[in-house]
Protein backbone atom coordinates (compact mmCIF):
# COMPACT_ATOMS: atom_id res chain seq x y z
CA UNK A 1 -12.55 -3.68 -8.35
CA UNK A 2 -9.27 -1.80 -8.76
CA UNK A 3 -6.59 -2.22 -6.11
CA UNK A 4 -3.18 -0.57 -5.73
CA UNK A 5 -0.34 -2.11 -3.70
CA UNK A 6 2.06 0.74 -2.98
CA UNK A 7 5.59 -0.30 -2.06
CA UNK A 8 4.82 -3.75 -3.44
CA UNK A 9 8.09 -5.44 -2.49
CA UNK A 10 7.97 -9.12 -3.45
CA UNK A 11 4.27 -8.85 -4.28
CA UNK A 12 2.64 -11.07 -1.65
CA UNK A 13 -0.45 -8.87 -1.27
CA UNK A 14 -0.61 -7.77 -4.92
CA UNK A 15 -0.58 -11.32 -6.25
CA UNK A 16 -3.27 -12.42 -3.80
CA UNK A 17 -5.34 -9.33 -4.64
CA UNK A 18 -5.06 -10.17 -8.36
CA UNK A 19 -6.44 -13.65 -7.65
CA UNK A 20 -9.30 -12.21 -5.57
CA UNK A 21 -10.45 -9.44 -7.94
CA UNK A 22 -10.38 -11.85 -10.88
CA UNK A 23 -10.39 -11.14 -14.59
CA UNK A 24 -12.80 -8.21 -14.27
CA UNK A 25 -10.62 -6.45 -11.69
CA UNK A 26 -7.22 -4.82 -11.90
CA UNK A 27 -4.27 -4.62 -9.51
CA UNK A 28 -1.62 -1.94 -9.84
CA UNK A 29 1.57 -2.54 -7.90
CA UNK A 30 4.14 0.22 -7.56
CA UNK A 31 7.68 0.21 -6.22
CA UNK A 32 10.72 2.44 -6.58
CA UNK A 33 13.01 -0.60 -6.94
CA UNK A 34 13.03 -1.77 -10.57
CA UNK A 35 14.10 -5.31 -9.69
CA UNK A 36 11.13 -5.77 -7.36
CA UNK A 37 8.70 -4.51 -10.02
CA UNK A 38 10.25 -6.87 -12.57
CA UNK A 39 10.03 -9.80 -10.13
CA UNK A 40 6.33 -9.24 -9.42
CA UNK A 41 5.67 -8.89 -13.15
CA UNK A 42 7.45 -12.21 -13.85
CA UNK A 43 5.55 -14.01 -11.09
CA UNK A 44 2.21 -12.67 -12.33
CA UNK A 45 2.98 -13.78 -15.89
CA UNK A 46 4.09 -17.22 -14.68
CA UNK A 47 0.83 -17.60 -12.74
CA UNK A 48 -1.30 -16.29 -15.63
CA UNK A 49 -2.45 -13.23 -13.70
CA UNK A 50 -3.14 -10.88 -16.61
CA UNK A 51 -4.95 -8.38 -14.39
CA UNK A 52 -1.82 -7.16 -12.59
CA UNK A 53 0.14 -4.13 -13.76
CA UNK A 54 3.59 -3.66 -12.23
CA UNK A 55 4.74 -0.03 -12.27
CA UNK A 56 8.13 1.47 -11.52
CA UNK A 57 7.28 4.68 -9.67
CA UNK A 58 7.80 6.83 -6.61
CA UNK A 59 4.90 6.56 -4.16
CA UNK A 60 6.02 9.68 -2.24
CA UNK A 61 5.77 12.08 -5.18
CA UNK A 62 2.69 13.75 -6.68
CA UNK A 63 1.49 11.44 -9.48
CA UNK A 64 4.53 9.24 -8.79
CA UNK A 65 2.39 6.10 -8.87
CA UNK A 66 1.43 6.89 -12.49
CA UNK A 67 -2.14 5.86 -11.60
CA UNK A 68 -5.05 8.05 -12.72
CA UNK A 69 -6.77 10.17 -10.08
CA UNK A 70 -9.83 8.80 -8.25
CA UNK A 71 -9.73 5.39 -9.97
CA UNK A 72 -8.75 3.02 -7.15
CA UNK A 73 -11.18 1.25 -4.79
CA UNK A 74 -8.60 -0.01 -2.29
CA UNK A 75 -4.94 0.62 -1.48
CA UNK A 76 -2.60 -1.78 0.30
CA UNK A 77 0.29 -0.36 2.33
CA UNK A 78 2.30 -3.11 4.01
CA UNK A 79 5.61 -2.55 5.80
CA UNK A 80 6.16 0.68 3.91
CA UNK A 81 5.58 3.65 6.23
CA UNK A 82 8.82 3.20 8.17
CA UNK A 83 10.78 3.45 4.90
CA UNK A 84 9.26 6.69 3.62
CA UNK A 85 11.01 10.04 3.83
CA UNK A 86 7.91 12.03 2.82
CA UNK A 87 5.04 10.34 4.64
CA UNK A 88 2.66 13.25 4.04
CA UNK A 89 3.46 13.22 0.33
CA UNK A 90 2.72 9.52 0.28
CA UNK A 91 -0.68 9.93 1.98
CA UNK A 92 -1.51 12.75 -0.45
CA UNK A 93 -0.80 10.38 -3.33
CA UNK A 94 -3.11 7.79 -1.73
CA UNK A 95 -5.81 10.46 -1.46
CA UNK A 96 -5.31 11.38 -5.13
CA UNK A 97 -5.68 7.86 -6.53
CA UNK A 98 -8.51 6.62 -4.28
CA UNK A 99 -12.13 7.04 -5.25
CA UNK A 100 -14.37 8.81 -2.72
CA UNK A 101 -15.20 6.20 -0.07
CA UNK A 102 -12.19 4.11 -1.07
CA UNK A 103 -10.25 2.25 1.60
CA UNK A 104 -6.63 1.78 2.54
CA UNK A 105 -5.27 -1.24 4.41
CA UNK A 106 -2.24 -0.29 6.53
CA UNK A 107 0.07 -2.94 7.98
CA UNK A 108 3.35 -2.00 9.65
CA UNK A 109 5.78 -2.90 12.42
CA UNK A 110 4.87 -2.26 16.06
CA UNK A 111 8.52 -1.85 17.07
CA UNK A 112 12.06 -2.89 16.27
CA UNK A 113 12.89 -6.49 17.15
CA UNK A 114 16.70 -6.69 17.21
CA UNK A 115 17.43 -7.26 13.55
CA UNK A 116 13.89 -8.09 12.48
CA UNK A 117 11.96 -5.12 11.18
CA UNK A 118 13.02 -1.50 10.98
CA UNK A 119 15.57 0.30 13.10
CA UNK A 120 13.88 1.61 16.26
CA UNK A 121 14.32 5.22 15.06
CA UNK A 122 12.30 4.48 11.91
CA UNK A 123 9.28 2.74 13.45
CA UNK A 124 5.99 4.54 12.74
CA UNK A 125 3.66 3.75 15.62
CA UNK A 126 0.05 2.82 15.06
CA UNK A 127 -1.07 6.16 16.50
CA UNK A 128 1.36 8.10 14.27
CA UNK A 129 0.16 6.11 11.29
CA UNK A 130 -3.50 6.75 12.07
CA UNK A 131 -2.75 10.46 12.52
CA UNK A 132 -1.13 10.61 9.05
CA UNK A 133 -4.36 9.38 7.49
CA UNK A 134 -6.92 11.15 9.69
CA UNK A 135 -5.10 14.46 9.07
CA UNK A 136 -5.95 13.99 5.38
CA UNK A 137 -9.63 13.31 6.04
CA UNK A 138 -9.66 9.53 6.43
CA UNK A 139 -11.83 7.81 9.02
CA UNK A 140 -10.46 4.76 10.78
CA UNK A 141 -12.87 2.03 9.74
CA UNK A 142 -11.57 -0.95 11.71
CA UNK A 143 -8.57 -2.45 13.46
CA UNK A 144 -7.22 -5.83 12.31
CA UNK A 145 -5.12 -8.24 14.35
CA UNK A 146 -1.86 -8.54 12.42
CA UNK A 147 0.09 -10.73 14.84
CA UNK A 148 2.71 -10.11 17.49
CA UNK A 149 4.99 -7.77 15.54
CA UNK A 150 2.60 -5.71 13.41
CA UNK A 151 -0.44 -3.48 13.68
CA UNK A 152 -3.08 -3.13 10.99
CA UNK A 153 -6.13 -1.03 10.30
CA UNK A 154 -8.42 0.00 7.49
CA UNK A 155 -9.03 3.70 6.86
CA UNK A 156 -11.78 5.05 4.64
CA UNK A 157 -11.48 8.12 2.46
CA UNK A 158 -14.27 10.63 2.95
CA UNK A 159 -17.00 10.51 0.28
């Protein structure tokens, strides 16, 4: 299985995904911040996770992830949407890299919590988030309980 963690941050999901997919799988993690990419790379090397590829790239730009088209089985998007300037460009890049029938896990903030999470003007609601993906042909596959401060769902790319 090939997984991409877009906007990888510190790499929590990417590192766990690398453990889950094992030696036969591959995890690509992309971030625009070089220091975050370098940190995830160091952690993966320290833990002996040779199936993780850390990429410095721009997830909002066409081919900005540097991942080949239609090669990814699953995409992880955690606490990223509220930071994006070009949300449609981002979803188009997800569409490009996902295989037909591939899935995307979306986790983001439900609201602003006085210093924890995004500024209230930057929050992308669950409905707005779902609309971003359904407008590009995704079907909402299931909702996941992500705790008191987050929403989460899985969307499936049309076959």
